[in-house]
Amino acid sequence: MLIKRFEDSETYVAPNHWDVTGLRLQGFEDGGPTNQWIGFSQFLPGGGAGPDSTAFEKVYVVLEGEMTIEWDGKTDVLRAMDSCTIPAGQERRIENKSNHVCKMLVVMPYPPGS
């Protein structure tokens, strides 16, 4: 078992993201999960990511605030405790269009070869 305290979480930089701070809550460490990692993203107003896709699925869980997500010509807004699964290869764009910080968990498998 690995217990990791929030204050011990380290920041990471996600490609093609802006006005966000990412913290790695679990993953990429000895004794941690073997098939996925968990990130905690804090998006400032106007912050976001994309448009892009990944070769693996991921799950977003909005904890606080709201996040606008765009895909395949569609748009929706995720609010506190809403979640979505983004399939592998699905292009998406996200943006915090509110005036509040959006706090979001990101769950995804390790990249191939890591």
Protein backbone atom coordinates (compact mmCIF):
# COMPACT_ATOMS: atom_id res chain seq x y z
CA MET A 1 0.00 0.00 0.00
CA LEU A 2 1.19 3.49 -0.78
CA ILE A 3 -0.26 6.45 1.09
CA LYS A 4 0.72 9.74 -0.44
CA ARG A 5 -0.11 13.05 1.19
CA PHE A 6 -1.40 15.97 -0.85
CA GLU A 7 1.45 18.17 0.39
CA ASP A 8 3.93 15.64 -1.07
CA SER A 9 2.39 15.73 -4.56
CA GLU A 10 4.68 17.08 -7.26
CA THR A 11 3.75 19.38 -10.12
CA TYR A 12 3.94 18.26 -13.72
CA VAL A 13 3.60 20.07 -17.04
CA ALA A 14 1.06 18.64 -19.48
CA PRO A 15 1.67 19.32 -23.17
CA ASN A 16 -0.71 21.71 -24.97
CA HIS A 17 -2.23 22.97 -21.69
CA TRP A 18 -2.32 26.61 -20.52
CA ASP A 19 -3.09 28.45 -17.28
CA VAL A 20 -3.18 25.22 -15.28
CA THR A 21 -1.19 23.64 -12.47
CA GLY A 22 -1.08 19.86 -12.48
CA LEU A 23 -0.20 17.79 -9.43
CA ARG A 24 0.52 14.07 -9.62
CA LEU A 25 -1.45 12.48 -6.76
CA GLN A 26 -0.54 8.86 -7.55
CA GLY A 27 1.61 7.18 -10.14
CA PHE A 28 5.14 6.99 -11.52
CA GLU A 29 6.58 6.01 -8.11
CA ASP A 30 7.66 2.82 -6.36
CA GLY A 31 4.70 1.11 -4.69
CA GLY A 32 2.18 3.20 -6.62
CA PRO A 33 -0.48 2.04 -9.06
CA THR A 34 0.74 -0.23 -11.83
CA ASN A 35 -1.80 0.49 -14.57
CA GLN A 36 -2.87 4.14 -14.24
CA TRP A 37 -1.95 7.45 -12.65
CA ILE A 38 -4.05 10.18 -11.06
CA GLY A 39 -3.56 13.89 -11.67
CA PHE A 40 -5.18 16.88 -9.99
CA SER A 41 -5.49 19.87 -12.32
CA GLN A 42 -6.35 23.41 -11.24
CA PHE A 43 -7.38 25.50 -14.24
CA LEU A 44 -7.50 29.27 -13.88
CA PRO A 45 -10.32 31.16 -15.61
CA GLY A 46 -9.52 30.94 -19.33
CA GLY A 47 -7.24 27.94 -18.82
CA GLY A 48 -7.60 24.84 -20.91
CA ALA A 49 -6.07 22.21 -23.16
CA GLY A 50 -6.13 21.05 -26.76
CA PRO A 51 -7.37 20.51 -29.25
CA ASP A 52 -5.60 17.16 -29.22
CA SER A 53 -6.05 13.47 -28.53
CA THR A 54 -4.14 10.66 -26.85
CA ALA A 55 -3.55 7.05 -27.81
CA PHE A 56 -5.28 5.91 -24.61
CA GLU A 57 -8.55 6.70 -22.85
CA LYS A 58 -8.77 9.05 -19.90
CA VAL A 59 -11.39 10.10 -17.37
CA TYR A 60 -12.07 13.62 -16.11
CA VAL A 61 -13.88 14.24 -12.82
CA VAL A 62 -14.71 17.88 -12.03
CA LEU A 63 -14.49 18.43 -8.28
CA GLU A 64 -15.16 22.16 -8.19
CA GLY A 65 -16.03 24.82 -10.75
CA GLU A 66 -16.86 23.96 -14.33
CA MET A 67 -15.12 22.93 -17.53
CA THR A 68 -16.38 23.33 -21.08
CA ILE A 69 -15.51 20.37 -23.29
CA GLU A 70 -15.72 20.34 -27.11
CA TRP A 71 -15.54 17.25 -29.36
CA ASP A 72 -16.88 16.26 -32.79
CA GLY A 73 -18.67 19.61 -33.19
CA LYS A 74 -20.43 19.18 -29.83
CA THR A 75 -20.05 21.22 -26.63
CA ASP A 76 -21.02 20.47 -23.04
CA VAL A 77 -20.18 21.82 -19.59
CA LEU A 78 -18.99 19.57 -16.77
CA ARG A 79 -19.81 20.83 -13.27
CA ALA A 80 -18.93 19.63 -9.76
CA MET A 81 -18.98 15.82 -9.57
CA ASP A 82 -19.70 15.42 -13.32
CA SER A 83 -17.30 13.15 -15.16
CA CYS A 84 -16.57 11.99 -18.69
CA THR A 85 -14.60 9.26 -20.40
CA ILE A 86 -12.59 10.33 -23.42
CA PRO A 87 -11.87 7.34 -25.67
CA ALA A 88 -8.46 6.71 -27.18
CA GLY A 89 -7.99 8.81 -30.31
CA GLN A 90 -10.91 11.15 -29.49
CA GLU A 91 -9.91 14.76 -30.20
CA ARG A 92 -11.15 17.15 -27.55
CA ARG A 93 -10.65 20.72 -26.39
CA ILE A 94 -11.37 21.91 -22.84
CA GLU A 95 -11.57 25.44 -21.44
CA ASN A 96 -12.57 26.95 -18.12
CA LYS A 97 -14.96 29.64 -19.36
CA SER A 98 -16.03 30.62 -15.83
CA ASN A 99 -14.52 33.17 -13.45
CA HIS A 100 -13.71 30.48 -10.86
CA VAL A 101 -10.86 27.98 -10.65
CA CYS A 102 -11.84 24.55 -11.98
CA LYS A 103 -10.42 21.66 -9.94
CA MET A 104 -10.41 18.37 -11.77
CA LEU A 105 -9.11 14.82 -11.33
CA VAL A 106 -7.59 13.14 -14.37
CA VAL A 107 -7.26 9.35 -14.46
CA MET A 108 -5.33 7.72 -17.28
CA PRO A 109 -3.15 4.71 -18.01
CA TYR A 110 0.57 5.06 -18.27
CA PRO A 111 1.79 6.03 -21.76
CA PRO A 112 3.09 3.11 -23.83
CA GLY A 113 6.72 2.36 -23.02
CA SER A 114 6.78 4.11 -19.64
